[in-house]
Amino acid sequence: MVTMLRVGAAQVSPKFFDRAGTLKKTIGVIEEAGRLGLDLLVFPETYFAAYPYWRGAVSVRRSTELIVEMQRSAIRVPGEETEELAAAARRARVNCVIGCNELDDRPGSLTLYNTLVFVGRDGRLLGRHRKLMPTHSERVYWGMGDASDIRAFDMDIGRVGG
């Protein structure tokens, strides 16, 4: 375990509802973190690829359209995007924690979760943590996590959880 860490908070916005654009931008930020010698890079809540800020600001019809877009821009964990993020973390040698809208599209589910994804600098997808209790209006958008994924993940810098 290291005694001194270089940790970065990725203060960046996603490409709103654009999964591919957000992925490309994220890989660039991870690469920059690698050039800066960071040990851990943490992205915002639901960085992939939108936080539903519009609640109460638009009509019900428009809100429904936006929820559909939110689902379309969500990622699967594990999935294609997490594989690409893990490869970027490995190339940059940076541990990452990335907030996302996760789509569980198993038959009978079709649920969005507000999820943290943990990726080791060795390129392994270490796991995820689904938010247990979406607050207030967040319950319109996200399902409740079931606590099965509450744990700290072993990274080369120590144990990291969310």
C-alpha atoms as a PDB file:
ATOM      1  CA  MET A   1       0.000   0.000   0.000  1.00  0.00           C
ATOM      2  CA  VAL A   2       1.231   3.505  -0.809  1.00  0.00           C
ATOM      3  CA  THR A   3       1.500   6.151   1.902  1.00  0.00           C
ATOM      4  CA  MET A   4       0.912   9.223  -0.249  1.00  0.00           C
ATOM      5  CA  LEU A   5      -1.763   9.389  -2.935  1.00  0.00           C
ATOM      6  CA  ARG A   6      -2.458  11.677  -5.838  1.00  0.00           C
ATOM      7  CA  VAL A   7      -6.245  11.837  -6.120  1.00  0.00           C
ATOM      8  CA  GLY A   8      -8.221  13.784  -8.687  1.00  0.00           C
ATOM      9  CA  ALA A   9     -11.862  14.817  -8.850  1.00  0.00           C
ATOM     10  CA  ALA A  10     -12.951  14.949 -12.483  1.00  0.00           C
ATOM     11  CA  GLN A  11     -14.846  18.240 -12.543  1.00  0.00           C
ATOM     12  CA  VAL A  12     -16.167  17.693 -16.044  1.00  0.00           C
ATOM     13  CA  SER A  13     -19.605  17.461 -17.571  1.00  0.00           C
ATOM     14  CA  PRO A  14     -20.787  14.575 -19.724  1.00  0.00           C
ATOM     15  CA  LYS A  15     -21.888  14.860 -23.314  1.00  0.00           C
ATOM     16  CA  PHE A  16     -25.532  15.029 -22.309  1.00  0.00           C
ATOM     17  CA  PHE A  17     -27.405  11.850 -23.355  1.00  0.00           C
ATOM     18  CA  ASP A  18     -24.492  10.941 -25.633  1.00  0.00           C
ATOM     19  CA  ARG A  19     -23.003   7.650 -24.451  1.00  0.00           C
ATOM     20  CA  ALA A  20     -20.368   7.442 -27.210  1.00  0.00           C
ATOM     21  CA  GLY A  21     -19.382  11.094 -26.816  1.00  0.00           C
ATOM     22  CA  THR A  22     -19.169  10.755 -23.040  1.00  0.00           C
ATOM     23  CA  LEU A  23     -17.055   7.615 -23.397  1.00  0.00           C
ATOM     24  CA  LYS A  24     -14.611   9.400 -25.703  1.00  0.00           C
ATOM     25  CA  LYS A  25     -14.408  12.393 -23.355  1.00  0.00           C
ATOM     26  CA  THR A  26     -13.933  10.137 -20.321  1.00  0.00           C
ATOM     27  CA  ILE A  27     -11.084   8.250 -21.946  1.00  0.00           C
ATOM     28  CA  GLY A  28      -9.396  11.597 -22.637  1.00  0.00           C
ATOM     29  CA  VAL A  29      -9.773  12.640 -18.989  1.00  0.00           C
ATOM     30  CA  ILE A  30      -8.369   9.285 -17.816  1.00  0.00           C
ATOM     31  CA  GLU A  31      -5.405   9.705 -20.180  1.00  0.00           C
ATOM     32  CA  GLU A  32      -4.755  13.191 -18.774  1.00  0.00           C
ATOM     33  CA  ALA A  33      -4.928  11.795 -15.228  1.00  0.00           C
ATOM     34  CA  GLY A  34      -2.288   9.261 -16.229  1.00  0.00           C
ATOM     35  CA  ARG A  35      -0.021  12.004 -17.571  1.00  0.00           C
ATOM     36  CA  LEU A  36      -0.474  13.841 -14.249  1.00  0.00           C
ATOM     37  CA  GLY A  37       0.512  10.737 -12.306  1.00  0.00           C
ATOM     38  CA  LEU A  38      -2.772  10.366 -10.409  1.00  0.00           C
ATOM     39  CA  ASP A  39      -3.356   7.242  -8.354  1.00  0.00           C
ATOM     40  CA  LEU A  40      -7.140   7.631  -8.216  1.00  0.00           C
ATOM     41  CA  LEU A  41      -9.568   9.571 -10.405  1.00  0.00           C
ATOM     42  CA  VAL A  42     -13.192  10.018  -9.311  1.00  0.00           C
ATOM     43  CA  PHE A  43     -15.984  11.142 -11.656  1.00  0.00           C
ATOM     44  CA  PRO A  44     -19.321  12.746 -10.632  1.00  0.00           C
ATOM     45  CA  GLU A  45     -22.574  11.009  -9.813  1.00  0.00           C
ATOM     46  CA  THR A  46     -24.344   9.749 -12.968  1.00  0.00           C
ATOM     47  CA  TYR A  47     -21.556  11.104 -15.163  1.00  0.00           C
ATOM     48  CA  PHE A  48     -22.686   8.602 -17.826  1.00  0.00           C
ATOM     49  CA  ALA A  49     -24.527  10.410 -19.286  1.00  0.00           C
ATOM     50  CA  ALA A  50     -26.889  12.725 -17.436  1.00  0.00           C
ATOM     51  CA  TYR A  51     -28.376  13.706 -14.110  1.00  0.00           C
ATOM     52  CA  PRO A  52     -32.153  14.317 -14.416  1.00  0.00           C
ATOM     53  CA  TYR A  53     -32.098  17.991 -13.472  1.00  0.00           C
ATOM     54  CA  TRP A  54     -35.347  18.708 -15.315  1.00  0.00           C
ATOM     55  CA  ARG A  55     -37.789  17.348 -12.686  1.00  0.00           C
ATOM     56  CA  GLY A  56     -40.508  19.967 -12.229  1.00  0.00           C
ATOM     57  CA  ALA A  57     -39.052  22.238 -14.908  1.00  0.00           C
ATOM     58  CA  VAL A  58     -40.690  20.630 -17.942  1.00  0.00           C
ATOM     59  CA  SER A  59     -44.052  19.119 -18.832  1.00  0.00           C
ATOM     60  CA  VAL A  60     -44.856  15.508 -17.947  1.00  0.00           C
ATOM     61  CA  ARG A  61     -44.731  14.642 -21.652  1.00  0.00           C
ATOM     62  CA  ARG A  62     -41.275  16.187 -22.077  1.00  0.00           C
ATOM     63  CA  SER A  63     -40.087  14.565 -18.856  1.00  0.00           C
ATOM     64  CA  THR A  64     -41.162  11.172 -20.207  1.00  0.00           C
ATOM     65  CA  GLU A  65     -39.230  11.814 -23.432  1.00  0.00           C
ATOM     66  CA  LEU A  66     -36.156  12.738 -21.404  1.00  0.00           C
ATOM     67  CA  ILE A  67     -36.432   9.579 -19.297  1.00  0.00           C
ATOM     68  CA  VAL A  68     -36.406   7.542 -22.518  1.00  0.00           C
ATOM     69  CA  GLU A  69     -33.242   9.389 -23.611  1.00  0.00           C
ATOM     70  CA  MET A  70     -31.739   8.765 -20.188  1.00  0.00           C
ATOM     71  CA  GLN A  71     -32.344   5.032 -20.651  1.00  0.00           C
ATOM     72  CA  ARG A  72     -30.840   5.108 -24.143  1.00  0.00           C
ATOM     73  CA  SER A  73     -27.666   6.778 -22.856  1.00  0.00           C
ATOM     74  CA  ALA A  74     -27.266   4.452 -19.850  1.00  0.00           C
ATOM     75  CA  ILE A  75     -24.550   1.800 -19.765  1.00  0.00           C
ATOM     76  CA  ARG A  76     -24.541  -1.858 -18.808  1.00  0.00           C
ATOM     77  CA  VAL A  77     -22.221  -3.056 -16.046  1.00  0.00           C
ATOM     78  CA  PRO A  78     -20.330  -5.031 -17.142  1.00  0.00           C
ATOM     79  CA  GLY A  79     -20.603  -4.035 -20.756  1.00  0.00           C
ATOM     80  CA  GLU A  80     -18.871  -2.555 -23.772  1.00  0.00           C
ATOM     81  CA  GLU A  81     -18.328   0.839 -22.145  1.00  0.00           C
ATOM     82  CA  THR A  82     -16.896  -0.588 -18.930  1.00  0.00           C
ATOM     83  CA  GLU A  83     -14.496  -2.709 -21.002  1.00  0.00           C
ATOM     84  CA  GLU A  84     -13.274   0.407 -22.814  1.00  0.00           C
ATOM     85  CA  LEU A  85     -12.987   2.354 -19.551  1.00  0.00           C
ATOM     86  CA  ALA A  86     -11.016  -0.491 -17.974  1.00  0.00           C
ATOM     87  CA  ALA A  87      -8.659  -0.577 -20.967  1.00  0.00           C
ATOM     88  CA  ALA A  88      -8.138   3.199 -20.686  1.00  0.00           C
ATOM     89  CA  ALA A  89      -7.423   2.907 -16.943  1.00  0.00           C
ATOM     90  CA  ARG A  90      -4.885   0.154 -17.661  1.00  0.00           C
ATOM     91  CA  ARG A  91      -3.126   2.203 -20.359  1.00  0.00           C
ATOM     92  CA  ALA A  92      -3.054   5.310 -18.129  1.00  0.00           C
ATOM     93  CA  ARG A  93      -2.234   3.326 -14.955  1.00  0.00           C
ATOM     94  CA  VAL A  94      -5.001   5.107 -12.991  1.00  0.00           C
ATOM     95  CA  ASN A  95      -7.599   3.672 -10.604  1.00  0.00           C
ATOM     96  CA  CYS A  96     -11.045   5.087 -11.400  1.00  0.00           C
ATOM     97  CA  VAL A  97     -14.450   5.475  -9.782  1.00  0.00           C
ATOM     98  CA  ILE A  98     -17.087   6.508 -12.314  1.00  0.00           C
ATOM     99  CA  GLY A  99     -20.707   7.474 -11.686  1.00  0.00           C
ATOM    100  CA  CYS A 100     -23.219   6.250 -14.237  1.00  0.00           C
ATOM    101  CA  ASN A 101     -26.799   5.532 -15.097  1.00  0.00           C
ATOM    102  CA  GLU A 102     -26.695   1.756 -15.246  1.00  0.00           C
ATOM    103  CA  LEU A 103     -29.315  -0.078 -17.270  1.00  0.00           C
ATOM    104  CA  ASP A 104     -30.297  -3.509 -16.013  1.00  0.00           C
ATOM    105  CA  ASP A 105     -32.074  -4.832 -19.086  1.00  0.00           C
ATOM    106  CA  ARG A 106     -32.550  -8.416 -17.967  1.00  0.00           C
ATOM    107  CA  PRO A 107     -36.016  -9.725 -18.872  1.00  0.00           C
ATOM    108  CA  GLY A 108     -38.510  -8.460 -16.313  1.00  0.00           C
ATOM    109  CA  SER A 109     -36.214  -5.728 -14.999  1.00  0.00           C
ATOM    110  CA  LEU A 110     -35.542  -2.826 -17.391  1.00  0.00           C
ATOM    111  CA  THR A 111     -34.440  -0.697 -14.447  1.00  0.00           C
ATOM    112  CA  LEU A 112     -32.053   2.236 -14.240  1.00  0.00           C
ATOM    113  CA  TYR A 113     -29.717   2.475 -11.261  1.00  0.00           C
ATOM    114  CA  ASN A 114     -27.563   5.341 -10.016  1.00  0.00           C
ATOM    115  CA  THR A 115     -24.308   3.375  -9.908  1.00  0.00           C
ATOM    116  CA  LEU A 116     -20.633   3.794  -9.073  1.00  0.00           C
ATOM    117  CA  VAL A 117     -18.237   1.675 -11.135  1.00  0.00           C
ATOM    118  CA  PHE A 118     -14.818   0.775  -9.693  1.00  0.00           C
ATOM    119  CA  VAL A 119     -11.931   0.102 -12.099  1.00  0.00           C
ATOM    120  CA  GLY A 120      -8.393  -0.832 -11.090  1.00  0.00           C
ATOM    121  CA  ARG A 121      -5.344   0.623 -12.764  1.00  0.00           C
ATOM    122  CA  ASP A 122      -4.561  -2.911 -13.912  1.00  0.00           C
ATOM    123  CA  GLY A 123      -7.638  -2.736 -16.155  1.00  0.00           C
ATOM    124  CA  ARG A 124      -9.928  -4.922 -14.039  1.00  0.00           C
ATOM    125  CA  LEU A 125     -13.553  -4.026 -13.481  1.00  0.00           C
ATOM    126  CA  LEU A 126     -13.576  -4.456  -9.705  1.00  0.00           C
ATOM    127  CA  GLY A 127     -17.288  -4.033  -9.209  1.00  0.00           C
ATOM    128  CA  ARG A 128     -20.143  -1.615  -8.801  1.00  0.00           C
ATOM    129  CA  HIS A 129     -22.269  -0.061  -6.100  1.00  0.00           C
ATOM    130  CA  ARG A 130     -25.898   0.827  -6.809  1.00  0.00           C
ATOM    131  CA  LYS A 131     -27.280   3.715  -4.773  1.00  0.00           C
ATOM    132  CA  LEU A 132     -29.443   2.157  -2.079  1.00  0.00           C
ATOM    133  CA  MET A 133     -32.058   4.839  -1.593  1.00  0.00           C
ATOM    134  CA  PRO A 134     -32.652   7.381  -4.346  1.00  0.00           C
ATOM    135  CA  THR A 135     -33.910  10.497  -2.598  1.00  0.00           C
ATOM    136  CA  HIS A 136     -37.077  12.504  -3.184  1.00  0.00           C
ATOM    137  CA  SER A 137     -37.746  12.828  -6.931  1.00  0.00           C
ATOM    138  CA  GLU A 138     -34.782  10.591  -7.798  1.00  0.00           C
ATOM    139  CA  ARG A 139     -37.098   7.631  -7.168  1.00  0.00           C
ATOM    140  CA  VAL A 140     -38.876   8.519 -10.432  1.00  0.00           C
ATOM    141  CA  TYR A 141     -35.689   7.718 -12.361  1.00  0.00           C
ATOM    142  CA  TRP A 142     -33.746   5.051 -10.463  1.00  0.00           C
ATOM    143  CA  GLY A 143     -34.513   1.795  -8.756  1.00  0.00           C
ATOM    144  CA  MET A 144     -33.305   1.107  -5.239  1.00  0.00           C
ATOM    145  CA  GLY A 145     -30.100  -0.848  -4.851  1.00  0.00           C
ATOM    146  CA  ASP A 146     -30.442  -4.091  -2.922  1.00  0.00           C
ATOM    147  CA  ALA A 147     -27.267  -3.826  -0.806  1.00  0.00           C
ATOM    148  CA  SER A 148     -25.770  -6.944  -2.420  1.00  0.00           C
ATOM    149  CA  ASP A 149     -22.902  -4.852  -3.775  1.00  0.00           C
ATOM    150  CA  ILE A 150     -21.985  -2.871  -0.656  1.00  0.00           C
ATOM    151  CA  ARG A 151     -18.314  -3.474  -0.147  1.00  0.00           C
ATOM    152  CA  ALA A 152     -14.911  -1.882  -0.438  1.00  0.00           C
ATOM    153  CA  PHE A 153     -12.809  -2.914  -3.412  1.00  0.00           C
ATOM    154  CA  ASP A 154      -9.121  -3.761  -3.177  1.00  0.00           C
ATOM    155  CA  MET A 155      -7.015  -1.421  -5.270  1.00  0.00           C
ATOM    156  CA  ASP A 156      -3.251  -1.143  -5.177  1.00  0.00           C
ATOM    157  CA  ILE A 157      -3.705   2.066  -3.137  1.00  0.00           C
ATOM    158  CA  GLY A 158      -5.916   0.431  -0.505  1.00  0.00           C
ATOM    159  CA  ARG A 159      -9.589  -0.407  -0.138  1.00  0.00           C
ATOM    160  CA  VAL A 160     -12.026   1.944  -1.900  1.00  0.00           C
ATOM    161  CA  GLY A 161     -15.812   2.041  -1.540  1.00  0.00           C
ATOM    162  CA  GLY A 162     -18.628   4.400  -2.264  1.00  0.00           C
END
